[in-house]
Amino acid sequence: MFDLSTRDIKFISGVGPQKAAVLSKELGIYSLRDLIYYFPYKYVDRSRIYYIHEIDGNMPYIQLKGKIVGFETFGEGRRRRLVAHFSDGTGVVELVWFQGVKYVLNKYKLHEEYIVFGKPTLFNGRINVAHPDVDKPDDGQLFSSGLQPYYSTTEKMKRSFLNSHAIEKMMRTVVQQMQEPLPETLPLQILTKNHLMSLTEALKNIHFPGNPDLLRRAQYRLKFEELFYVQLNILRYAKDRQRKYRGYIFEKVGDVFNTFYAKNLPFELTGAQKRVLKEIRNDVGSGRQMNRLLQGDVGSGKTLVALMSMLLAIDNDYQACMMAPTEILANQHYETIKSLLFGMDVRVELLTGSVKGKKREAVLKGLLTGEVNILIGTHAVIEEAVHFFSLGLVIIDEQHRFGVEQRARLWSKNIQPPHVLVMTATPIPRTLAMTLYGDLDVSVIDELPPGRKPITTIHQFDNRRESLYRSVRKQIEEGRQIYIVYPLIKESEKIDLKNLEEGYLHIREEFPEYTVCKVHGKMKTARKTSKCNCLFRGKRK
């Protein structure tokens, strides 16, 4: 069988040690196997050759067959450009190069026939094609057979003459060498059952598909294989985690939980909340460490589920900790949970960077002696000075703000890792990836408590901004409040996104009759608290 993994790319015709070094540094391509698994990012249909009199500047791509009838150079130094006048007998187009002028003049000859492929533009009333692909009709290119692959490249690669066209030629050389079948990576029964191409045919057709159907089948085969092994990895990882990470067993539902449920629960739990609580109870009673992701829209009741989970920990003589990404959110959780537990013998404390002096010492002492039942805080709870008597459950709100290393530091505060419940209203790629790889089980609160209005998400383009502002003004006039979230605090040179500082000034100008406050993470705590209280009190003017 043909073995791709042992063959170095520097031995491909036209590559050599220097280009091989660029490919390995820029793309991590060392062997023929690395190269053949570098797939195109798009395909362009080259099955048709146009006449020049047919084309215009709005066409996405054109392919022409004709001769270069003249060369002209314009400008000096860096502004120098080369124009080749290309004719097929029905008209003339201009082929333009801004780089590699000497190379082009040496390679392409007057009055010889070429195939030209590229994107046309209209400039000064003439059709131009900048930096086109130019080949001899007998070069074996795809101009007669259909779909041409295009490969992503970097600037360093282009400076080494490793553009998409060069990679395509390398791929063609490798594919032509694949006369024997490659070792199959899927069992025969799976290939047969799912009507899948062989690996050899899939790799050939992912690079040089004979037609769109063969391309679709090749893509399906390779995607199937990738997901097949991802699923196997999920199952293996889940089994390993269950075996490796033993968890505290919460055996009972005791007085604390039952008292809260009977006397302090503000409303009847929804069916979704009950289902999620049952999933959590099954986890914490199983003897394995819970590692669960709880998803739910804002207002769906995630915090109440988290609190009742913490009460299960307390009933079984363990402490619980809730981590929030910001002091504002930590304070909000603290006030909410204190009010929900009003009248109950449960000690709740807050630990953030702003808690200092004797108050901080009292909290740390209470954690170490076990007198503090629930700790709510920010990154401050993972500091070296923070020690628990018996930490049984950790709640992490908005997981994407905490790294894996930070979560591990919380685990290290116990001989045995605590149960972990992660809450988010906005799942993000990394969170989804952790779920995909089996690190998190998933629970979803998919219904709102009685009386809560459903959340409506509307996407508006910038040209609808005036209409949006009219809606904002209407909401404020009806007694409601508005908050606007910006991705940046200040303008950035690296990314072009709207920022809070400029947005704040703009909104103040747009709504001069209303109070506009701004809050961000770099403000001092007292100032943030003051601004947030302005919002909580409903101050509008």
Protein backbone atom coordinates (compact mmCIF):
# COMPACT_ATOMS: atom_id res chain seq x y z
CA MET A 1 0.00 0.00 0.00
CA PHE A 2 1.07 3.58 -0.66
CA ASP A 3 2.44 5.15 2.56
CA LEU A 4 2.13 8.95 2.64
CA SER A 5 3.39 9.52 6.17
CA THR A 6 7.04 8.50 5.51
CA ARG A 7 7.61 10.63 2.41
CA ASP A 8 9.07 14.11 2.87
CA ILE A 9 7.56 16.96 0.82
CA LYS A 10 10.99 18.28 -0.17
CA PHE A 11 11.25 15.38 -2.63
CA ILE A 12 8.18 16.53 -4.58
CA SER A 13 9.17 17.92 -7.98
CA GLY A 14 9.62 21.67 -7.78
CA VAL A 15 9.62 21.91 -3.97
CA GLY A 16 13.13 21.32 -2.56
CA PRO A 17 14.49 22.11 0.93
CA GLN A 18 13.76 25.88 0.96
CA LYS A 19 10.08 25.67 0.00
CA ALA A 20 9.67 22.62 2.25
CA ALA A 21 10.95 24.71 5.17
CA VAL A 22 8.38 27.44 4.42
CA LEU A 23 5.52 24.89 4.20
CA SER A 24 6.51 23.28 7.49
CA LYS A 25 6.81 26.62 9.32
CA GLU A 26 3.69 28.27 7.90
CA LEU A 27 1.29 25.31 7.64
CA GLY A 28 2.88 22.48 9.63
CA ILE A 29 3.24 20.40 6.46
CA TYR A 30 6.20 17.99 6.58
CA SER A 31 5.11 14.83 4.78
CA LEU A 32 2.95 13.90 1.82
CA ARG A 33 0.25 12.90 4.30
CA ASP A 34 0.26 16.40 5.83
CA LEU A 35 -0.04 17.86 2.34
CA ILE A 36 -2.86 15.62 1.09
CA TYR A 37 -4.88 16.48 4.21
CA TYR A 38 -4.54 20.22 3.49
CA PHE A 39 -7.93 20.67 1.84
CA PRO A 40 -9.10 23.46 -0.52
CA TYR A 41 -11.20 26.25 0.97
CA LYS A 42 -13.21 26.72 -2.25
CA TYR A 43 -13.64 25.48 -5.81
CA VAL A 44 -14.16 27.42 -9.04
CA ASP A 45 -15.83 25.99 -12.12
CA ARG A 46 -13.35 26.05 -15.03
CA SER A 47 -15.39 23.95 -17.41
CA ARG A 48 -16.12 26.84 -19.79
CA ILE A 49 -13.88 29.01 -21.94
CA TYR A 50 -15.39 32.44 -22.71
CA TYR A 51 -14.87 34.66 -25.71
CA ILE A 52 -13.56 38.11 -24.82
CA HIS A 53 -16.54 39.84 -26.45
CA GLU A 54 -18.83 37.95 -23.99
CA ILE A 55 -17.29 39.15 -20.70
CA ASP A 56 -17.92 42.16 -18.46
CA GLY A 57 -16.51 43.47 -15.20
CA ASN A 58 -19.32 41.99 -13.07
CA MET A 59 -18.50 38.34 -13.75
CA PRO A 60 -16.94 36.48 -10.77
CA TYR A 61 -14.35 34.59 -12.83
CA ILE A 62 -13.49 34.17 -16.50
CA GLN A 63 -11.42 31.71 -18.51
CA LEU A 64 -10.02 32.70 -21.88
CA LYS A 65 -7.97 31.05 -24.60
CA GLY A 66 -5.78 33.24 -26.80
CA LYS A 67 -2.38 34.90 -27.32
CA ILE A 68 -0.37 37.72 -25.79
CA VAL A 69 -0.01 40.31 -28.53
CA GLY A 70 2.03 42.89 -26.63
CA PHE A 71 3.64 43.97 -23.33
CA GLU A 72 3.78 47.45 -21.75
CA THR A 73 5.34 48.60 -18.48
CA PHE A 74 4.24 51.67 -16.53
CA GLY A 75 5.70 53.49 -13.53
CA GLU A 76 8.97 53.07 -11.69
CA GLY A 77 10.15 51.24 -8.57
CA ARG A 78 7.38 49.94 -6.35
CA ARG A 79 4.75 51.55 -8.58
CA ARG A 80 5.93 49.66 -11.63
CA ARG A 81 3.31 47.47 -13.29
CA LEU A 82 3.28 45.22 -16.31
CA VAL A 83 0.35 45.05 -18.74
CA ALA A 84 0.01 42.22 -21.28
CA HIS A 85 -2.50 42.72 -24.08
CA PHE A 86 -4.30 39.40 -24.56
CA SER A 87 -6.45 38.64 -27.62
CA ASP A 88 -8.61 35.73 -28.77
CA GLY A 89 -9.68 37.31 -32.06
CA THR A 90 -12.96 38.65 -30.67
CA GLY A 91 -11.45 41.36 -28.48
CA VAL A 92 -8.57 42.33 -26.17
CA VAL A 93 -8.22 42.30 -22.37
CA GLU A 94 -5.37 43.61 -20.22
CA LEU A 95 -3.52 41.20 -17.95
CA VAL A 96 -1.89 43.19 -15.13
CA TRP A 97 0.97 42.32 -12.75
CA PHE A 98 2.17 44.61 -9.94
CA GLN A 99 4.83 42.15 -8.74
CA GLY A 100 7.16 39.67 -10.42
CA VAL A 101 7.42 41.73 -13.61
CA LYS A 102 10.81 40.28 -14.62
CA TYR A 103 9.57 36.72 -13.99
CA VAL A 104 6.46 37.24 -16.16
CA LEU A 105 8.45 38.74 -19.05
CA ASN A 106 10.84 35.78 -19.01
CA LYS A 107 8.13 33.12 -18.75
CA TYR A 108 5.42 34.22 -21.19
CA LYS A 109 6.13 34.77 -24.87
CA LEU A 110 4.42 36.88 -27.53
CA HIS A 111 2.06 35.14 -29.97
CA GLU A 112 2.05 31.82 -28.08
CA GLU A 113 -1.27 30.33 -27.02
CA TYR A 114 -2.23 30.39 -23.32
CA ILE A 115 -5.19 29.67 -21.07
CA VAL A 116 -5.92 32.66 -18.79
CA PHE A 117 -8.07 32.44 -15.66
CA GLY A 118 -8.94 35.19 -13.15
CA LYS A 119 -11.38 37.81 -11.90
CA PRO A 120 -12.27 40.57 -14.38
CA THR A 121 -12.61 44.22 -13.41
CA LEU A 122 -13.48 47.29 -15.45
CA PHE A 123 -10.84 50.06 -15.40
CA ASN A 124 -10.89 53.11 -17.69
CA GLY A 125 -13.42 51.38 -19.90
CA ARG A 126 -11.22 48.30 -20.42
CA ILE A 127 -11.43 44.80 -18.96
CA ASN A 128 -8.48 44.05 -16.63
CA VAL A 129 -7.47 40.77 -14.98
CA ALA A 130 -4.92 41.32 -12.19
CA HIS A 131 -2.38 38.56 -11.46
CA PRO A 132 -4.20 35.91 -13.52
CA ASP A 133 -3.38 32.21 -13.74
CA VAL A 134 -1.67 31.71 -17.10
CA ASP A 135 -0.94 28.22 -18.42
CA LYS A 136 -0.10 26.42 -21.61
CA PRO A 137 -3.10 24.50 -23.00
CA ASP A 138 -1.18 21.25 -22.59
CA ASP A 139 -0.21 21.79 -18.91
CA GLY A 140 -2.97 19.44 -17.73
CA GLN A 141 -4.86 22.10 -15.81
CA LEU A 142 -8.53 21.93 -14.94
CA PHE A 143 -9.66 24.38 -17.62
CA SER A 144 -11.20 21.49 -19.51
CA SER A 145 -12.41 19.28 -16.65
CA GLY A 146 -14.40 21.46 -14.25
CA LEU A 147 -13.74 22.37 -10.63
CA GLN A 148 -10.42 23.96 -9.70
CA PRO A 149 -9.36 23.87 -6.02
CA TYR A 150 -8.16 26.98 -4.19
CA TYR A 151 -5.89 26.73 -1.13
CA SER A 152 -5.28 29.22 1.66
CA THR A 153 -1.76 30.68 1.72
CA THR A 154 0.21 33.21 3.78
CA GLU A 155 2.24 36.23 2.73
CA LYS A 156 5.50 34.39 3.47
CA MET A 157 4.38 31.53 1.23
CA LYS A 158 3.50 33.89 -1.61
CA ARG A 159 6.95 35.50 -1.36
CA SER A 160 8.40 32.00 -1.82
CA PHE A 161 6.19 31.43 -4.92
CA LEU A 162 3.92 29.09 -2.95
CA ASN A 163 0.55 30.46 -3.97
CA SER A 164 -2.65 28.44 -4.40
CA HIS A 165 -1.69 27.50 -7.94
CA ALA A 166 1.67 26.13 -6.77
CA ILE A 167 0.02 24.05 -4.04
CA GLU A 168 -2.45 22.71 -6.60
CA LYS A 169 0.45 21.51 -8.78
CA MET A 170 2.04 19.81 -5.76
CA MET A 171 -1.27 18.13 -4.95
CA ARG A 172 -1.62 16.91 -8.50
CA THR A 173 1.84 15.31 -8.30
CA VAL A 174 0.94 13.51 -5.07
CA VAL A 175 -2.42 12.33 -6.37
CA GLN A 176 -0.77 10.96 -9.50
CA GLN A 177 1.57 8.95 -7.27
CA MET A 178 -1.39 7.37 -5.45
CA GLN A 179 -1.66 4.41 -7.80
CA GLU A 180 -2.04 1.90 -4.95
CA PRO A 181 -4.89 2.25 -2.42
CA LEU A 182 -4.16 3.92 0.92
CA PRO A 183 -4.68 1.97 4.16
CA GLU A 184 -8.39 2.24 5.02
CA THR A 185 -9.25 4.07 8.25
CA LEU A 186 -12.85 2.88 8.67
CA PRO A 187 -14.15 -0.69 9.03
CA LEU A 188 -15.51 -2.23 5.84
CA GLN A 189 -18.97 -2.77 7.34
CA ILE A 190 -19.27 0.95 8.16
CA LEU A 191 -18.21 1.91 4.63
CA THR A 192 -20.77 -0.48 3.14
CA LYS A 193 -23.62 0.41 5.50
CA ASN A 194 -23.23 4.16 4.94
CA HIS A 195 -22.38 3.98 1.20
CA LEU A 196 -19.05 5.74 1.75
CA MET A 197 -16.19 6.24 -0.70
CA SER A 198 -12.87 4.59 0.01
CA LEU A 199 -10.29 6.86 1.64
CA THR A 200 -8.21 6.93 -1.55
CA GLU A 201 -11.13 8.03 -3.72
CA ALA A 202 -12.25 10.60 -1.14
CA LEU A 203 -8.81 12.24 -0.98
CA LYS A 204 -8.50 12.33 -4.75
CA ASN A 205 -11.93 13.89 -5.19
CA ILE A 206 -11.59 16.40 -2.35
CA HIS A 207 -8.71 17.95 -4.31
CA PHE A 208 -9.69 17.25 -7.92
CA PRO A 209 -13.40 16.38 -8.12
CA GLY A 210 -14.60 15.12 -11.46
CA ASN A 211 -18.01 16.71 -10.84
CA PRO A 212 -20.00 18.33 -7.99
CA ASP A 213 -21.54 15.00 -6.90
CA LEU A 214 -18.12 13.39 -6.45
CA LEU A 215 -17.03 16.43 -4.43
CA ARG A 216 -20.11 16.13 -2.19
CA ARG A 217 -19.46 12.41 -1.62
CA ALA A 218 -15.79 13.02 -0.83
CA GLN A 219 -16.65 15.75 1.69
CA TYR A 220 -19.31 13.53 3.29
CA ARG A 221 -16.88 10.60 3.68
CA LEU A 222 -14.17 12.75 5.32
CA LYS A 223 -16.63 14.57 7.62
CA PHE A 224 -18.20 11.24 8.60
CA GLU A 225 -14.81 9.83 9.55
CA GLU A 226 -13.87 12.88 11.62
CA LEU A 227 -17.15 12.87 13.57
CA PHE A 228 -17.03 9.09 13.97
CA TYR A 229 -13.70 9.28 15.80
CA VAL A 230 -14.81 12.35 17.77
CA GLN A 231 -17.77 10.34 19.09
CA LEU A 232 -15.53 7.41 19.97
CA ASN A 233 -13.28 9.84 21.83
CA ILE A 234 -16.27 11.29 23.72
CA LEU A 235 -17.30 7.82 24.89
CA ARG A 236 -13.76 6.93 25.91
CA TYR A 237 -13.24 10.22 27.75
CA ALA A 238 -16.57 9.96 29.56
CA LYS A 239 -15.73 6.44 30.75
CA ASP A 240 -12.27 7.52 31.87
CA ARG A 241 -13.66 10.51 33.76
CA GLN A 242 -16.24 8.40 35.57
CA ARG A 243 -13.52 5.97 36.58
CA LYS A 244 -10.89 8.56 37.52
CA TYR A 245 -12.85 11.30 39.31
CA ARG A 246 -14.78 9.99 42.26
CA GLY A 247 -17.18 12.48 43.87
CA TYR A 248 -18.67 13.18 47.26
CA ILE A 249 -21.97 11.40 47.76
CA PHE A 250 -24.87 13.64 48.78
CA GLU A 251 -27.02 10.91 50.31
CA LYS A 252 -29.96 12.88 51.67
CA VAL A 253 -32.35 15.72 51.07
CA GLY A 254 -32.43 17.22 54.55
CA ASP A 255 -33.94 19.95 56.69
CA VAL A 256 -32.24 22.89 54.97
CA PHE A 257 -33.49 21.95 51.50
CA ASN A 258 -36.97 20.98 52.73
CA THR A 259 -37.39 24.15 54.82
CA PHE A 260 -36.46 26.32 51.88
CA TYR A 261 -38.80 24.42 49.58
CA ALA A 262 -41.71 24.66 52.03
CA LYS A 263 -41.29 28.23 53.32
CA ASN A 264 -38.93 30.32 51.19
CA LEU A 265 -39.43 29.18 47.61
CA PRO A 266 -40.81 32.30 45.88
CA PHE A 267 -42.81 30.41 43.23
CA GLU A 268 -43.53 26.92 41.98
CA LEU A 269 -40.64 25.41 40.06
CA THR A 270 -41.12 24.93 36.34
CA GLY A 271 -41.04 21.47 34.85
CA ALA A 272 -37.61 22.23 33.35
CA GLN A 273 -36.20 23.32 36.72
CA LYS A 274 -37.50 20.14 38.36
CA ARG A 275 -35.97 18.02 35.59
CA VAL A 276 -32.59 19.72 35.95
CA LEU A 277 -32.63 19.38 39.75
CA LYS A 278 -33.31 15.66 39.34
CA GLU A 279 -30.33 15.36 36.96
CA ILE A 280 -28.13 17.18 39.48
CA ARG A 281 -29.36 14.99 42.36
CA ASN A 282 -28.59 11.88 40.33
CA ASP A 283 -25.06 13.17 39.67
CA VAL A 284 -24.23 14.11 43.27
CA GLY A 285 -25.62 10.83 44.57
CA SER A 286 -23.79 8.61 42.06
CA GLY A 287 -20.34 8.56 43.64
CA ARG A 288 -18.73 10.22 40.62
CA GLN A 289 -17.80 13.87 40.30
CA MET A 290 -20.53 16.00 38.73
CA ASN A 291 -19.28 18.17 35.89
CA ARG A 292 -22.45 19.61 34.38
CA LEU A 293 -23.24 22.56 32.12
CA LEU A 294 -26.54 24.32 32.84
CA GLN A 295 -27.86 26.36 29.92
CA GLY A 296 -30.84 28.68 30.08
CA ASP A 297 -31.96 32.11 28.93
CA VAL A 298 -31.75 35.10 31.25
CA GLY A 299 -34.69 34.86 33.65
CA SER A 300 -35.16 31.11 33.24
CA GLY A 301 -34.31 30.38 36.89
CA LYS A 302 -30.72 29.11 36.75
CA THR A 303 -29.73 30.89 39.97
CA LEU A 304 -32.58 29.28 41.90
CA VAL A 305 -31.53 25.82 40.67
CA ALA A 306 -27.95 26.62 41.69
CA LEU A 307 -29.07 27.71 45.16
CA MET A 308 -31.13 24.55 45.72
CA SER A 309 -28.12 22.48 44.61
CA MET A 310 -26.01 24.31 47.21
CA LEU A 311 -28.62 23.53 49.86
CA LEU A 312 -28.22 19.82 49.03
CA ALA A 313 -24.50 20.22 49.77
CA ILE A 314 -25.22 21.89 53.10
CA ASP A 315 -27.66 19.13 54.06
CA ASN A 316 -24.82 16.64 53.57
CA ASP A 317 -22.33 18.66 55.69
CA TYR A 318 -20.45 20.25 52.80
CA GLN A 319 -19.79 23.86 51.86
CA ALA A 320 -20.70 25.43 48.53
CA CYS A 321 -19.07 28.19 46.50
CA MET A 322 -20.39 30.31 43.64
CA MET A 323 -17.94 32.13 41.37
CA ALA A 324 -19.03 35.07 39.21
CA PRO A 325 -16.87 36.85 36.59
CA THR A 326 -17.37 40.39 37.95
CA GLU A 327 -17.88 42.07 41.32
CA ILE A 328 -21.19 43.50 40.11
CA LEU A 329 -22.55 40.04 39.32
CA ALA A 330 -21.10 38.57 42.54
CA ASN A 331 -22.83 41.29 44.58
CA GLN A 332 -26.08 40.69 42.73
CA HIS A 333 -25.93 36.94 43.44
CA TYR A 334 -25.07 37.64 47.08
CA GLU A 335 -28.03 39.96 47.63
CA THR A 336 -30.42 37.63 45.75
CA ILE A 337 -29.38 34.52 47.69
CA LYS A 338 -29.38 36.33 51.06
CA SER A 339 -32.94 37.48 50.44
CA LEU A 340 -34.08 34.01 49.32
CA LEU A 341 -32.61 32.47 52.49
CA PHE A 342 -34.05 35.11 54.81
CA GLY A 343 -34.87 33.61 58.23
CA MET A 344 -32.91 30.41 57.63
CA ASP A 345 -29.83 29.31 59.57
CA VAL A 346 -27.51 29.41 56.58
CA ARG A 347 -24.43 31.66 56.63
CA VAL A 348 -23.74 33.29 53.27
CA GLU A 349 -20.63 35.41 52.74
CA LEU A 350 -19.21 37.53 49.92
CA LEU A 351 -15.52 37.52 48.95
CA THR A 352 -14.26 39.89 46.23
CA GLY A 353 -11.21 42.08 45.82
CA SER A 354 -13.07 44.87 47.63
CA VAL A 355 -13.60 42.84 50.83
CA LYS A 356 -10.61 43.75 53.00
CA GLY A 357 -9.34 43.98 56.57
CA LYS A 358 -11.23 42.42 59.46
CA LYS A 359 -14.20 41.55 57.30
CA ARG A 360 -11.96 39.50 54.98
CA GLU A 361 -10.26 37.80 57.92
CA ALA A 362 -13.65 36.83 59.37
CA VAL A 363 -14.78 35.32 56.07
CA LEU A 364 -11.54 33.33 55.67
CA LYS A 365 -11.78 32.05 59.24
CA GLY A 366 -15.42 31.05 58.76
CA LEU A 367 -14.53 29.10 55.60
CA LEU A 368 -11.72 27.24 57.38
CA THR A 369 -13.87 26.31 60.40
CA GLY A 370 -16.90 25.37 58.31
CA GLU A 371 -19.11 28.12 59.79
CA VAL A 372 -19.59 29.70 56.35
CA ASN A 373 -21.99 27.50 54.38
CA ILE A 374 -22.07 29.40 51.07
CA LEU A 375 -19.34 31.62 49.65
CA ILE A 376 -20.07 33.91 46.71
CA GLY A 377 -17.19 35.68 45.03
CA THR A 378 -15.01 36.47 42.05
CA HIS A 379 -11.49 35.30 41.21
CA ALA A 380 -10.65 36.17 44.82
CA VAL A 381 -11.97 32.77 45.95
CA ILE A 382 -9.13 30.93 44.17
CA GLU A 383 -6.38 32.83 45.97
CA GLU A 384 -3.87 30.79 47.98
CA ALA A 385 -5.13 32.23 51.28
CA VAL A 386 -8.66 30.87 50.75
CA HIS A 387 -9.18 27.43 52.37
CA PHE A 388 -12.42 25.54 52.94
CA PHE A 389 -13.31 23.13 55.71
CA SER A 390 -15.19 20.84 53.33
CA LEU A 391 -15.95 22.18 49.85
CA GLY A 392 -18.47 19.90 48.18
CA LEU A 393 -19.97 21.97 45.34
CA VAL A 394 -18.71 24.75 43.06
CA ILE A 395 -21.05 26.83 40.90
CA ILE A 396 -19.35 28.79 38.11
CA ASP A 397 -21.46 31.49 36.48
CA GLU A 398 -20.54 32.35 32.86
CA GLN A 399 -17.87 29.68 32.35
CA HIS A 400 -16.08 31.44 29.49
CA ARG A 401 -14.63 33.98 31.92
CA PHE A 402 -12.78 31.29 33.88
CA GLY A 403 -9.94 29.24 32.45
CA VAL A 404 -9.39 25.53 32.92
CA GLU A 405 -6.37 26.31 35.12
CA GLN A 406 -8.49 28.48 37.43
CA ARG A 407 -11.07 25.73 37.75
CA ALA A 408 -8.30 23.26 38.63
CA ARG A 409 -7.10 25.62 41.38
CA LEU A 410 -10.55 25.41 42.95
CA TRP A 411 -10.38 21.62 42.78
CA SER A 412 -7.01 21.65 44.52
CA LYS A 413 -8.57 23.18 47.64
CA ASN A 414 -9.87 19.69 48.47
CA ILE A 415 -8.24 16.29 48.63
CA GLN A 416 -11.16 15.12 46.48
CA PRO A 417 -12.47 17.42 43.72
CA PRO A 418 -15.85 19.04 44.46
CA HIS A 419 -18.88 18.68 42.22
CA VAL A 420 -18.96 21.39 39.52
CA LEU A 421 -22.01 23.08 38.00
CA VAL A 422 -21.34 25.59 35.22
CA MET A 423 -24.08 28.09 34.32
CA THR A 424 -24.35 30.10 31.13
CA ALA A 425 -26.97 31.97 29.16
CA THR A 426 -24.63 32.31 26.18
CA PRO A 427 -22.83 29.11 25.19
CA ILE A 428 -19.65 29.90 23.30
CA PRO A 429 -17.35 27.79 21.12
CA ARG A 430 -15.01 26.68 23.88
CA THR A 431 -17.89 25.75 26.16
CA LEU A 432 -19.45 23.78 23.33
CA ALA A 433 -16.12 22.16 22.56
CA MET A 434 -15.75 21.00 26.17
CA THR A 435 -19.20 19.49 25.95
CA LEU A 436 -18.29 17.85 22.66
CA TYR A 437 -15.23 16.22 24.18
CA GLY A 438 -17.14 14.78 27.08
CA ASP A 439 -15.88 17.12 29.82
CA LEU A 440 -19.39 18.38 30.60
CA ASP A 441 -22.81 16.80 30.76
CA VAL A 442 -25.57 19.15 29.65
CA SER A 443 -28.81 20.30 31.27
CA VAL A 444 -31.13 22.84 29.66
CA ILE A 445 -33.82 25.00 31.27
CA ASP A 446 -36.05 25.50 28.26
CA GLU A 447 -39.07 27.19 29.84
CA LEU A 448 -39.59 30.41 31.79
CA PRO A 449 -41.21 30.71 35.24
CA PRO A 450 -44.88 31.81 35.28
CA GLY A 451 -45.32 35.50 34.54
CA ARG A 452 -41.96 35.90 32.82
CA LYS A 453 -42.20 37.26 29.32
CA PRO A 454 -40.21 35.40 26.66
CA ILE A 455 -37.02 37.05 25.44
CA THR A 456 -37.11 38.27 21.85
CA THR A 457 -33.87 38.61 19.90
CA ILE A 458 -33.90 40.94 16.89
CA HIS A 459 -30.98 41.61 14.54
CA GLN A 460 -30.84 45.07 12.98
CA PHE A 461 -28.41 46.45 10.40
CA ASP A 462 -26.78 49.83 10.92
CA ASN A 463 -29.07 51.50 8.39
CA ARG A 464 -31.97 50.74 10.76
CA ARG A 465 -30.39 52.62 13.67
CA GLU A 466 -32.89 55.51 13.60
CA SER A 467 -35.80 53.08 13.75
CA LEU A 468 -34.10 51.31 16.66
CA TYR A 469 -33.68 54.60 18.54
CA ARG A 470 -37.38 55.35 18.11
CA SER A 471 -38.17 51.97 19.70
CA VAL A 472 -35.74 52.73 22.55
CA ARG A 473 -37.39 56.09 23.23
CA LYS A 474 -40.84 54.46 23.22
CA GLN A 475 -39.72 51.85 25.78
CA ILE A 476 -38.29 54.52 28.09
CA GLU A 477 -41.46 56.63 27.82
CA GLU A 478 -43.42 53.55 28.91
CA GLY A 479 -41.34 53.38 32.10
CA ARG A 480 -38.79 50.76 31.08
CA GLN A 481 -34.99 50.86 31.06
CA ILE A 482 -32.42 50.13 28.37
CA TYR A 483 -28.87 48.87 28.60
CA ILE A 484 -26.38 48.66 25.76
CA VAL A 485 -23.37 46.33 25.70
CA TYR A 486 -20.20 47.25 23.79
CA PRO A 487 -17.44 44.76 22.91
CA LEU A 488 -14.65 47.23 23.78
CA ILE A 489 -14.11 49.92 26.40
CA LYS A 490 -11.86 52.08 24.20
CA GLU A 491 -10.99 52.18 20.52
CA SER A 492 -8.55 49.45 19.46
CA GLU A 493 -5.94 49.52 16.70
CA LYS A 494 -6.16 45.72 16.36
CA ILE A 495 -9.89 45.16 15.85
CA ASP A 496 -12.55 47.35 14.30
CA LEU A 497 -15.39 47.16 16.83
CA LYS A 498 -17.58 49.81 18.45
CA ASN A 499 -16.37 50.94 21.87
CA LEU A 500 -18.03 52.16 25.04
CA GLU A 501 -16.31 55.55 25.33
CA GLU A 502 -17.47 56.76 21.90
CA GLY A 503 -20.83 55.01 22.20
CA TYR A 504 -21.53 56.67 25.55
CA LEU A 505 -21.03 60.15 24.10
CA HIS A 506 -23.18 59.31 21.09
CA ILE A 507 -26.05 57.96 23.21
CA ARG A 508 -25.94 61.04 25.47
CA GLU A 509 -26.32 63.25 22.40
CA GLU A 510 -29.13 61.08 21.04
CA PHE A 511 -31.08 61.01 24.35
CA PRO A 512 -30.26 64.30 26.14
CA GLU A 513 -33.50 64.21 28.15
CA TYR A 514 -32.61 60.95 29.94
CA THR A 515 -29.90 59.85 32.38
CA VAL A 516 -27.20 57.82 30.66
CA CYS A 517 -24.68 55.92 32.83
CA LYS A 518 -21.64 53.89 31.81
CA VAL A 519 -20.10 50.98 33.70
CA HIS A 520 -17.05 48.86 32.85
CA GLY A 521 -14.67 46.50 34.59
CA LYS A 522 -11.81 48.98 34.95
CA MET A 523 -13.84 51.40 37.08
CA LYS A 524 -13.33 51.44 40.86
CA THR A 525 -15.81 49.36 42.83
CA ALA A 526 -17.50 52.27 44.61
CA ARG A 527 -18.14 54.06 41.35
CA LYS A 528 -19.43 50.91 39.66
CA THR A 529 -21.76 50.26 42.59
CA SER A 530 -23.08 53.83 42.45
CA LYS A 531 -23.79 53.62 38.73
CA CYS A 532 -25.46 50.21 39.05
CA ASN A 533 -27.64 51.43 41.93
CA CYS A 534 -28.79 54.22 39.63
CA LEU A 535 -30.03 51.53 37.23
CA PHE A 536 -31.53 49.32 39.98
CA ARG A 537 -33.48 52.26 41.42
CA GLY A 538 -34.98 52.93 38.03
CA LYS A 539 -33.65 56.49 37.80
CA ARG A 540 -34.39 57.85 34.34
CA LYS A 541 -33.99 61.63 34.60
